[in-house]
Amino acid sequence: MKRLLIVLSAIVLVFSATLPSLAFTDVSEDMFYYDAVNFLQDEGIVVGYGDGSFGYELNINRAELLKIVIEAKFFEEGTESLSSYSEMSCFEDVPANEWYTKYICYAKEQGWVVGYGDGTFRPAQNINFVEALKIVMEVFGIDYQETDPWYKGFVDEAASRNLIPLTIDEFGLIISRSEMADMITRMIMLNNDELDEYLDERTDYRVDYDSILNGENVSEDVPDESEAVEEDSDVLGMNCFAEFDTIAGVYDRFDCGDDVVEELDFVPAFQDLFPNENVYISNNEALLNEGVLYFTTNEETGAGTVNNRLIKYDISGGEGAVLYEEESVEGDMLVLVGTDLTDNLLIVEWQASDFAPSVCYSPWLSEDLYSIGLSGGESLAPYVPPQWKIDEGEAKVVDCL
């Protein structure tokens, strides 16, 4: 009876269960206010432009700002109740039945905006930070002290609640649409008692009156998140360890740190995949992602030939599947070692010499490193690890020597 040697390696996939992908063509995950734009889009508060863009770097005018703030205020019940305000003409330059009319006229009635001395509102005029912040504070009912200068009171109050985007470094700064998105998202999260969760590692960074007065851009103090994510998520290490009874042939427990998945009976799945083979697990590590275990198997078929398979096992469904299969006549083994930043599995081809006790080895220094998607495929693609991972591998080899 054939012996099947299963080598298991593990990792956490950071981006699998996070925020959904943006449809906006000009917004990517490495942008500073990505989460804010994404949140407002998911809630239907912003829809972007006809060409599919959000206008991340564009300035925002007074009408656009007011529309988005009011949509955010009423994002649960909607703004249909304001439709009657569309027929008004509440300022000299705000005619009836424009897309912005109901928002401006409703805001005027509520006392949130007063316009200019000449009777105009100037809807197309770009809005600066203190003007935008005052409107946001008024709409969401945040009280503040009257001060001199006129904006210090609500800037201080907003700072005390951590409501100011970290890139604000001038009181008269013409804000961008992305800064607007962050300011409004902070306000919504504050009302939902979720502000710290939204800010996450940025919670301890805060813009206040003095930092703006001194022209400090607090965002520059925040570590580069793209680099931090890369180092944390490219390879996070082993997170699941199997315990099994080789005599009984039952593989019934996976310890995944804080989460222990018990009573996993692999035998039916493996019998379906390998009906004539005696399954034997020797190296007890697995990759766990959203209830699915991934691992590689290396079946010695004789005469130095190894049949390599990439396997996934659905815990809830109790089903296994072969994602990739390759036979090596030279006895080389494919071993799962991690994932890249786009949720591709990383596999290294190990040669027999790599297992010699006298050899100090790191897969990240291998010329035989490949990637493949979570759904598998017919071939492996060459993979070059990031420089920080190569440096880490070289350091470990030096320590080994």
Protein backbone atom coordinates (compact mmCIF):
# COMPACT_ATOMS: atom_id res chain seq x y z
CA MET A 1 0.00 0.00 0.00
CA LYS A 2 1.33 3.41 -0.91
CA ARG A 3 2.40 5.83 1.81
CA LEU A 4 1.29 9.45 1.40
CA LEU A 5 3.42 12.03 3.18
CA ILE A 6 1.50 15.25 3.84
CA VAL A 7 3.50 18.39 4.64
CA LEU A 8 1.37 21.20 6.02
CA SER A 9 2.27 24.92 6.30
CA ALA A 10 0.15 27.78 7.61
CA ILE A 11 -0.67 31.48 7.33
CA VAL A 12 -3.43 34.00 7.92
CA LEU A 13 -4.77 35.82 4.86
CA VAL A 14 -5.28 39.40 6.03
CA PHE A 15 -7.39 40.79 3.20
CA SER A 16 -9.85 37.92 2.75
CA ALA A 17 -12.53 39.11 5.14
CA THR A 18 -12.00 42.83 5.06
CA LEU A 19 -13.69 45.67 3.31
CA PRO A 20 -15.13 44.99 -0.21
CA SER A 21 -13.26 46.21 -3.27
CA LEU A 22 -13.97 49.72 -4.55
CA ALA A 23 -15.49 50.29 -7.96
CA PHE A 24 -13.86 53.72 -8.19
CA THR A 25 -11.15 53.80 -10.82
CA ASP A 26 -8.96 56.33 -8.99
CA VAL A 27 -8.99 54.79 -5.48
CA SER A 28 -6.71 51.99 -4.32
CA GLU A 29 -6.08 50.30 -0.96
CA ASP A 30 -2.74 52.04 -0.43
CA MET A 31 -4.35 55.51 -0.37
CA PHE A 32 -4.45 57.27 3.00
CA TYR A 33 -8.23 57.69 3.11
CA TYR A 34 -9.16 54.45 1.36
CA ASP A 35 -11.26 53.12 4.26
CA ALA A 36 -13.27 56.33 4.50
CA VAL A 37 -14.10 56.45 0.79
CA ASN A 38 -14.91 52.74 0.84
CA PHE A 39 -17.26 53.13 3.81
CA LEU A 40 -19.18 56.04 2.28
CA GLN A 41 -19.51 54.16 -0.98
CA ASP A 42 -20.79 51.03 0.74
CA GLU A 43 -23.41 53.10 2.57
CA GLY A 44 -24.50 54.78 -0.66
CA ILE A 45 -23.51 58.22 0.62
CA VAL A 46 -21.13 58.87 -2.29
CA VAL A 47 -21.44 57.55 -5.83
CA GLY A 48 -18.61 59.28 -7.68
CA TYR A 49 -18.61 60.55 -11.25
CA GLY A 50 -19.97 59.15 -14.47
CA ASP A 51 -16.54 57.97 -15.60
CA GLY A 52 -16.28 55.64 -12.59
CA SER A 53 -13.91 57.84 -10.58
CA PHE A 54 -14.38 59.28 -7.11
CA GLY A 55 -12.21 62.36 -7.57
CA TYR A 56 -9.96 61.43 -4.66
CA GLU A 57 -7.60 64.39 -5.08
CA LEU A 58 -10.17 66.87 -6.37
CA ASN A 59 -11.44 69.81 -4.35
CA ILE A 60 -15.04 69.78 -3.17
CA ASN A 61 -17.45 72.69 -3.58
CA ARG A 62 -20.04 74.00 -1.13
CA ALA A 63 -23.01 72.27 -2.78
CA GLU A 64 -21.26 68.90 -2.99
CA LEU A 65 -20.14 69.10 0.63
CA LEU A 66 -23.61 69.96 1.90
CA LYS A 67 -25.22 67.16 -0.11
CA ILE A 68 -22.82 64.54 1.24
CA VAL A 69 -23.07 65.76 4.84
CA ILE A 70 -26.87 65.67 4.77
CA GLU A 71 -26.88 62.26 3.05
CA ALA A 72 -24.58 61.08 5.87
CA LYS A 73 -26.91 62.58 8.49
CA PHE A 74 -29.89 60.71 7.05
CA PHE A 75 -28.07 57.69 5.61
CA GLU A 76 -30.29 55.22 7.50
CA GLU A 77 -33.72 56.72 6.69
CA GLY A 78 -32.83 58.44 3.40
CA THR A 79 -33.53 61.99 2.20
CA GLU A 80 -36.83 61.40 0.38
CA SER A 81 -38.59 63.53 3.00
CA LEU A 82 -36.64 66.55 1.72
CA SER A 83 -38.06 66.36 -1.81
CA SER A 84 -40.40 69.33 -1.27
CA TYR A 85 -37.38 71.59 -0.76
CA SER A 86 -36.36 70.97 -4.39
CA GLU A 87 -39.09 73.37 -5.53
CA MET A 88 -37.74 76.28 -3.49
CA SER A 89 -35.31 79.04 -4.44
CA CYS A 90 -33.75 79.97 -1.13
CA PHE A 91 -30.74 81.98 -2.37
CA GLU A 92 -30.21 84.28 -5.34
CA ASP A 93 -27.97 81.63 -6.98
CA VAL A 94 -29.91 78.53 -5.88
CA PRO A 95 -32.77 78.06 -8.35
CA ALA A 96 -35.51 75.48 -7.95
CA ASN A 97 -35.11 71.90 -9.16
CA GLU A 98 -31.32 71.73 -9.30
CA TRP A 99 -29.73 68.56 -7.86
CA TYR A 100 -28.43 70.53 -4.89
CA THR A 101 -31.49 72.72 -4.20
CA LYS A 102 -33.19 70.54 -1.60
CA TYR A 103 -30.02 70.13 0.43
CA ILE A 104 -29.18 73.84 0.52
CA CYS A 105 -32.72 75.00 1.21
CA TYR A 106 -33.27 72.42 3.92
CA ALA A 107 -29.94 73.36 5.53
CA LYS A 108 -30.91 77.04 5.44
CA GLU A 109 -34.24 76.32 7.13
CA GLN A 110 -32.44 74.36 9.85
CA GLY A 111 -30.03 77.24 10.41
CA TRP A 112 -26.99 75.23 9.37
CA VAL A 113 -26.01 77.70 6.60
CA VAL A 114 -26.74 81.41 6.15
CA GLY A 115 -25.04 82.29 2.88
CA TYR A 116 -23.31 85.57 2.06
CA GLY A 117 -24.30 89.21 2.57
CA ASP A 118 -25.26 89.60 -1.08
CA GLY A 119 -27.96 86.94 -0.76
CA THR A 120 -25.99 84.20 -2.50
CA PHE A 121 -24.84 80.78 -1.37
CA ARG A 122 -22.15 80.25 -4.04
CA PRO A 123 -22.76 76.50 -4.49
CA ALA A 124 -19.92 76.03 -7.00
CA GLN A 125 -17.29 77.68 -4.80
CA ASN A 126 -14.66 75.38 -3.34
CA ILE A 127 -14.92 75.03 0.41
CA ASN A 128 -12.07 75.29 2.90
CA PHE A 129 -11.44 73.26 6.05
CA VAL A 130 -13.00 75.53 8.70
CA GLU A 131 -16.09 76.21 6.57
CA ALA A 132 -16.57 72.48 5.96
CA LEU A 133 -15.96 71.55 9.59
CA LYS A 134 -18.48 74.14 10.83
CA ILE A 135 -21.16 72.74 8.53
CA VAL A 136 -20.42 69.16 9.64
CA MET A 137 -20.58 70.17 13.31
CA GLU A 138 -23.86 72.08 12.78
CA VAL A 139 -25.54 69.29 10.82
CA PHE A 140 -24.60 66.63 13.39
CA GLY A 141 -25.52 68.83 16.34
CA ILE A 142 -22.13 69.12 18.03
CA ASP A 143 -22.10 72.10 20.42
CA TYR A 144 -19.05 74.34 20.65
CA GLN A 145 -17.91 77.58 22.28
CA GLU A 146 -18.10 80.93 20.48
CA THR A 147 -14.53 82.24 20.24
CA ASP A 148 -12.21 84.69 18.57
CA PRO A 149 -11.13 83.79 15.96
CA TRP A 150 -14.60 82.53 15.03
CA TYR A 151 -13.43 79.02 14.13
CA LYS A 152 -11.26 78.19 17.19
CA GLY A 153 -14.19 76.94 19.30
CA PHE A 154 -15.42 74.29 16.88
CA VAL A 155 -11.87 73.31 15.85
CA ASP A 156 -11.06 72.69 19.54
CA GLU A 157 -14.28 70.72 20.03
CA ALA A 158 -13.66 68.63 16.90
CA ALA A 159 -10.08 67.98 18.00
CA SER A 160 -11.25 66.81 21.43
CA ARG A 161 -13.41 64.20 19.66
CA ASN A 162 -10.71 63.29 17.09
CA LEU A 163 -12.83 64.36 14.12
CA ILE A 164 -10.19 66.15 12.03
CA PRO A 165 -8.47 64.40 9.07
CA LEU A 166 -4.74 63.98 9.68
CA THR A 167 -3.66 65.82 6.52
CA ILE A 168 -5.24 69.12 7.61
CA ASP A 169 -2.44 71.63 8.26
CA GLU A 170 -4.08 74.98 7.38
CA PHE A 171 -7.33 76.56 8.58
CA GLY A 172 -8.00 77.92 5.10
CA LEU A 173 -6.97 74.74 3.29
CA ILE A 174 -9.28 73.94 0.36
CA ILE A 175 -10.18 70.39 1.30
CA SER A 176 -10.18 67.44 -1.07
CA ARG A 177 -12.99 64.95 -1.55
CA SER A 178 -10.92 62.32 0.25
CA GLU A 179 -10.42 64.57 3.29
CA MET A 180 -14.15 65.26 3.27
CA ALA A 181 -14.78 61.49 3.22
CA ASP A 182 -12.62 60.96 6.30
CA MET A 183 -14.18 63.87 8.22
CA ILE A 184 -17.71 62.60 7.62
CA THR A 185 -16.81 58.98 8.30
CA ARG A 186 -15.26 60.00 11.63
CA MET A 187 -18.49 61.77 12.56
CA ILE A 188 -20.67 58.77 11.65
CA MET A 189 -18.38 56.40 13.54
CA LEU A 190 -18.41 58.71 16.57
CA ASN A 191 -22.21 58.63 16.63
CA ASN A 192 -22.09 54.83 16.41
CA ASP A 193 -19.44 54.53 19.16
CA GLU A 194 -17.11 52.95 16.60
CA LEU A 195 -14.59 55.74 16.05
CA ASP A 196 -11.64 53.98 17.71
CA GLU A 197 -12.38 50.85 15.71
CA TYR A 198 -12.44 52.84 12.48
CA LEU A 199 -9.23 54.73 13.28
CA ASP A 200 -7.51 51.57 14.49
CA GLU A 201 -3.75 52.26 14.65
CA ARG A 202 -4.36 55.95 13.89
CA THR A 203 -6.32 56.47 17.10
CA ASP A 204 -3.34 57.99 18.90
CA TYR A 205 -2.70 60.53 16.13
CA ARG A 206 -4.70 63.73 16.48
CA VAL A 207 -4.93 67.10 14.72
CA ASP A 208 -5.72 70.07 16.97
CA TYR A 209 -5.80 73.85 16.80
CA ASP A 210 -2.11 74.23 17.64
CA SER A 211 -0.91 71.65 15.11
CA ILE A 212 -2.85 73.44 12.36
CA LEU A 213 -1.63 76.84 13.56
CA ASN A 214 1.95 75.55 13.32
CA GLY A 215 1.39 74.01 9.88
CA GLU A 216 2.02 70.44 11.09
CA ASN A 217 0.90 67.62 8.81
CA VAL A 218 0.18 64.89 11.38
CA SER A 219 -0.28 62.27 8.65
CA GLU A 220 3.48 62.34 8.11
CA ASP A 221 3.94 60.86 11.59
CA VAL A 222 1.82 57.82 10.76
CA PRO A 223 3.88 54.75 9.70
CA ASP A 224 3.57 53.76 6.06
CA GLU A 225 0.70 51.28 6.26
CA SER A 226 1.46 49.71 2.87
CA GLU A 227 4.88 48.65 4.11
CA ALA A 228 3.50 47.45 7.43
CA VAL A 229 0.81 45.40 5.71
CA GLU A 230 3.35 43.90 3.35
CA GLU A 231 5.62 42.68 6.14
CA ASP A 232 2.72 41.36 8.21
CA SER A 233 0.70 39.68 5.50
CA ASP A 234 3.14 38.33 2.95
CA VAL A 235 4.03 35.55 5.35
CA LEU A 236 2.56 35.57 8.84
CA GLY A 237 3.97 32.19 9.91
CA MET A 238 2.33 29.03 11.10
CA ASN A 239 -1.07 29.38 12.70
CA CYS A 240 -2.52 25.89 12.84
CA PHE A 241 -1.06 22.71 14.27
CA ALA A 242 -2.65 19.30 13.85
CA GLU A 243 -2.94 16.66 16.53
CA PHE A 244 -3.79 13.17 15.34
CA ASP A 245 -3.71 9.49 16.14
CA THR A 246 -1.63 7.74 13.51
CA ILE A 247 -2.64 4.31 14.73
CA ALA A 248 -6.36 5.00 14.54
CA GLY A 249 -5.89 6.97 11.35
CA VAL A 250 -8.09 9.78 12.65
CA TYR A 251 -7.02 13.41 12.25
CA ASP A 252 -9.43 15.15 14.57
CA ARG A 253 -7.99 18.37 15.98
CA PHE A 254 -6.44 21.60 14.69
CA ASP A 255 -5.15 24.17 17.17
CA CYS A 256 -5.23 27.61 15.50
CA GLY A 257 -4.07 29.87 18.32
CA ASP A 258 -7.13 31.39 19.98
CA ASP A 259 -9.42 29.31 17.77
CA VAL A 260 -9.30 25.56 18.26
CA VAL A 261 -11.12 23.59 15.58
CA GLU A 262 -11.85 20.14 16.92
CA GLU A 263 -13.20 16.87 15.58
CA LEU A 264 -12.18 17.32 11.98
CA ASP A 265 -12.44 13.94 10.36
CA PHE A 266 -10.21 14.12 7.30
CA VAL A 267 -10.52 10.46 6.46
CA PRO A 268 -13.71 10.61 4.32
CA ALA A 269 -12.36 13.51 2.29
CA PHE A 270 -9.00 11.85 1.74
CA GLN A 271 -10.62 8.53 0.90
CA ASP A 272 -12.56 10.32 -1.83
CA LEU A 273 -9.39 11.96 -3.12
CA PHE A 274 -7.04 9.01 -2.65
CA PRO A 275 -9.23 5.88 -2.42
CA ASN A 276 -6.34 3.39 -2.56
CA GLU A 277 -3.82 5.17 -0.36
CA ASN A 278 -2.95 5.13 3.33
CA VAL A 279 -2.96 8.79 4.41
CA TYR A 280 -0.16 9.69 6.80
CA ILE A 281 0.50 13.18 8.20
CA SER A 282 4.02 13.78 9.42
CA ASN A 283 4.54 17.56 9.61
CA ASN A 284 1.66 19.09 11.50
CA GLU A 285 1.08 22.58 10.12
CA ALA A 286 -1.76 23.94 7.99
CA LEU A 287 -2.92 27.11 6.24
CA LEU A 288 -6.33 28.22 7.53
CA ASN A 289 -8.43 30.80 5.68
CA GLU A 290 -12.17 31.39 6.20
CA GLY A 291 -12.93 27.83 7.26
CA VAL A 292 -10.79 26.22 4.57
CA LEU A 293 -7.49 24.41 5.19
CA TYR A 294 -4.83 24.45 2.47
CA PHE A 295 -1.82 22.14 2.39
CA THR A 296 0.47 20.24 0.05
CA THR A 297 0.83 16.46 -0.19
CA ASN A 298 3.86 14.60 -1.46
CA GLU A 299 3.24 10.99 -2.42
CA GLU A 300 6.27 8.76 -2.92
CA THR A 301 5.31 6.46 -5.78
CA GLY A 302 8.64 4.62 -6.08
CA ALA A 303 11.84 4.91 -8.11
CA GLY A 304 12.43 8.45 -6.83
CA THR A 305 9.16 9.76 -8.23
CA VAL A 306 7.00 12.06 -6.13
CA ASN A 307 3.44 13.04 -6.95
CA ASN A 308 2.81 16.55 -5.52
CA ARG A 309 -0.65 17.91 -4.84
CA LEU A 310 -2.06 21.16 -3.49
CA ILE A 311 -5.16 20.33 -1.44
CA LYS A 312 -7.95 22.33 0.15
CA TYR A 313 -10.31 20.98 2.80
CA ASP A 314 -13.63 22.73 3.53
CA ILE A 315 -14.19 22.34 7.28
CA SER A 316 -17.93 23.05 7.32
CA GLY A 317 -18.69 20.98 4.26
CA GLY A 318 -16.25 18.19 5.09
CA GLU A 319 -15.07 18.09 1.48
CA GLY A 320 -11.59 18.02 -0.01
CA ALA A 321 -10.36 18.94 -3.47
CA VAL A 322 -7.12 18.86 -5.46
CA LEU A 323 -6.24 22.38 -6.65
CA TYR A 324 -3.00 21.51 -8.42
CA GLU A 325 -1.09 18.31 -9.20
CA GLU A 326 2.40 17.73 -10.51
CA GLU A 327 4.65 14.68 -10.71
CA SER A 328 8.42 14.95 -10.18
CA VAL A 329 10.60 12.13 -11.49
CA GLU A 330 13.59 13.57 -9.58
CA GLY A 331 11.94 13.36 -6.19
CA ASP A 332 11.43 17.11 -5.75
CA MET A 333 8.62 18.13 -3.40
CA LEU A 334 6.27 21.11 -3.60
CA VAL A 335 5.63 22.64 -0.18
CA LEU A 336 3.19 25.41 0.73
CA VAL A 337 5.05 28.24 2.51
CA GLY A 338 2.74 31.28 2.56
CA THR A 339 0.77 33.77 0.52
CA ASP A 340 1.44 37.02 -1.31
CA LEU A 341 -0.48 40.31 -1.05
CA THR A 342 -3.08 39.31 -3.62
CA ASP A 343 -4.14 36.06 -1.93
CA ASN A 344 -2.04 33.80 -4.12
CA LEU A 345 -0.61 30.73 -2.42
CA LEU A 346 3.18 30.52 -2.42
CA ILE A 347 4.84 27.19 -3.02
CA VAL A 348 8.52 26.26 -2.97
CA GLU A 349 10.01 23.32 -4.83
CA TRP A 350 12.27 21.51 -2.38
CA GLN A 351 15.00 19.24 -3.63
CA ALA A 352 16.32 16.30 -1.66
CA SER A 353 19.53 18.21 -0.81
CA ASP A 354 17.46 20.89 0.94
CA PHE A 355 16.58 18.41 3.65
CA ALA A 356 20.16 17.44 4.52
CA PRO A 357 20.87 18.08 8.25
CA SER A 358 24.01 20.05 7.44
CA VAL A 359 22.18 22.50 5.13
CA CYS A 360 20.85 25.83 6.40
CA TYR A 361 17.90 26.58 4.17
CA SER A 362 15.29 29.32 3.67
CA PRO A 363 12.57 29.00 1.02
CA TRP A 364 12.73 32.78 0.46
CA LEU A 365 16.21 32.41 -1.01
CA SER A 366 15.11 29.68 -3.38
CA GLU A 367 15.08 30.20 -7.13
CA ASP A 368 12.21 27.70 -7.24
CA LEU A 369 9.46 29.78 -5.59
CA TYR A 370 6.05 29.88 -7.26
CA SER A 371 2.52 31.25 -6.79
CA ILE A 372 -0.96 29.99 -7.60
CA GLY A 373 -4.45 31.34 -6.88
CA LEU A 374 -6.71 30.08 -4.08
CA SER A 375 -8.89 28.36 -6.65
CA GLY A 376 -5.92 26.48 -8.10
CA GLY A 377 -4.91 26.22 -11.73
CA GLU A 378 -3.06 24.22 -14.35
CA SER A 379 0.36 25.78 -13.76
CA LEU A 380 2.49 27.62 -11.21
CA ALA A 381 3.80 31.14 -11.84
CA PRO A 382 7.37 32.16 -10.82
CA TYR A 383 7.38 34.37 -7.71
CA VAL A 384 9.99 36.83 -6.49
CA PRO A 385 9.59 37.64 -2.76
CA PRO A 386 9.87 41.24 -1.47
CA GLN A 387 13.35 42.36 -0.47
CA TRP A 388 12.49 42.44 3.24
CA LYS A 389 11.63 38.72 3.09
CA ILE A 390 14.86 37.92 1.26
CA ASP A 391 16.79 39.83 3.94
CA GLU A 392 14.96 37.91 6.65
CA GLY A 393 15.82 34.60 4.99
CA GLU A 394 19.49 35.54 4.68
CA ALA A 395 19.57 36.52 8.37
CA LYS A 396 18.09 33.19 9.41
CA VAL A 397 20.62 31.28 7.33
CA VAL A 398 23.46 33.26 8.94
CA ASP A 399 22.06 32.47 12.41
CA CYS A 400 21.81 28.82 11.43
CA LEU A 401 25.45 28.70 10.40
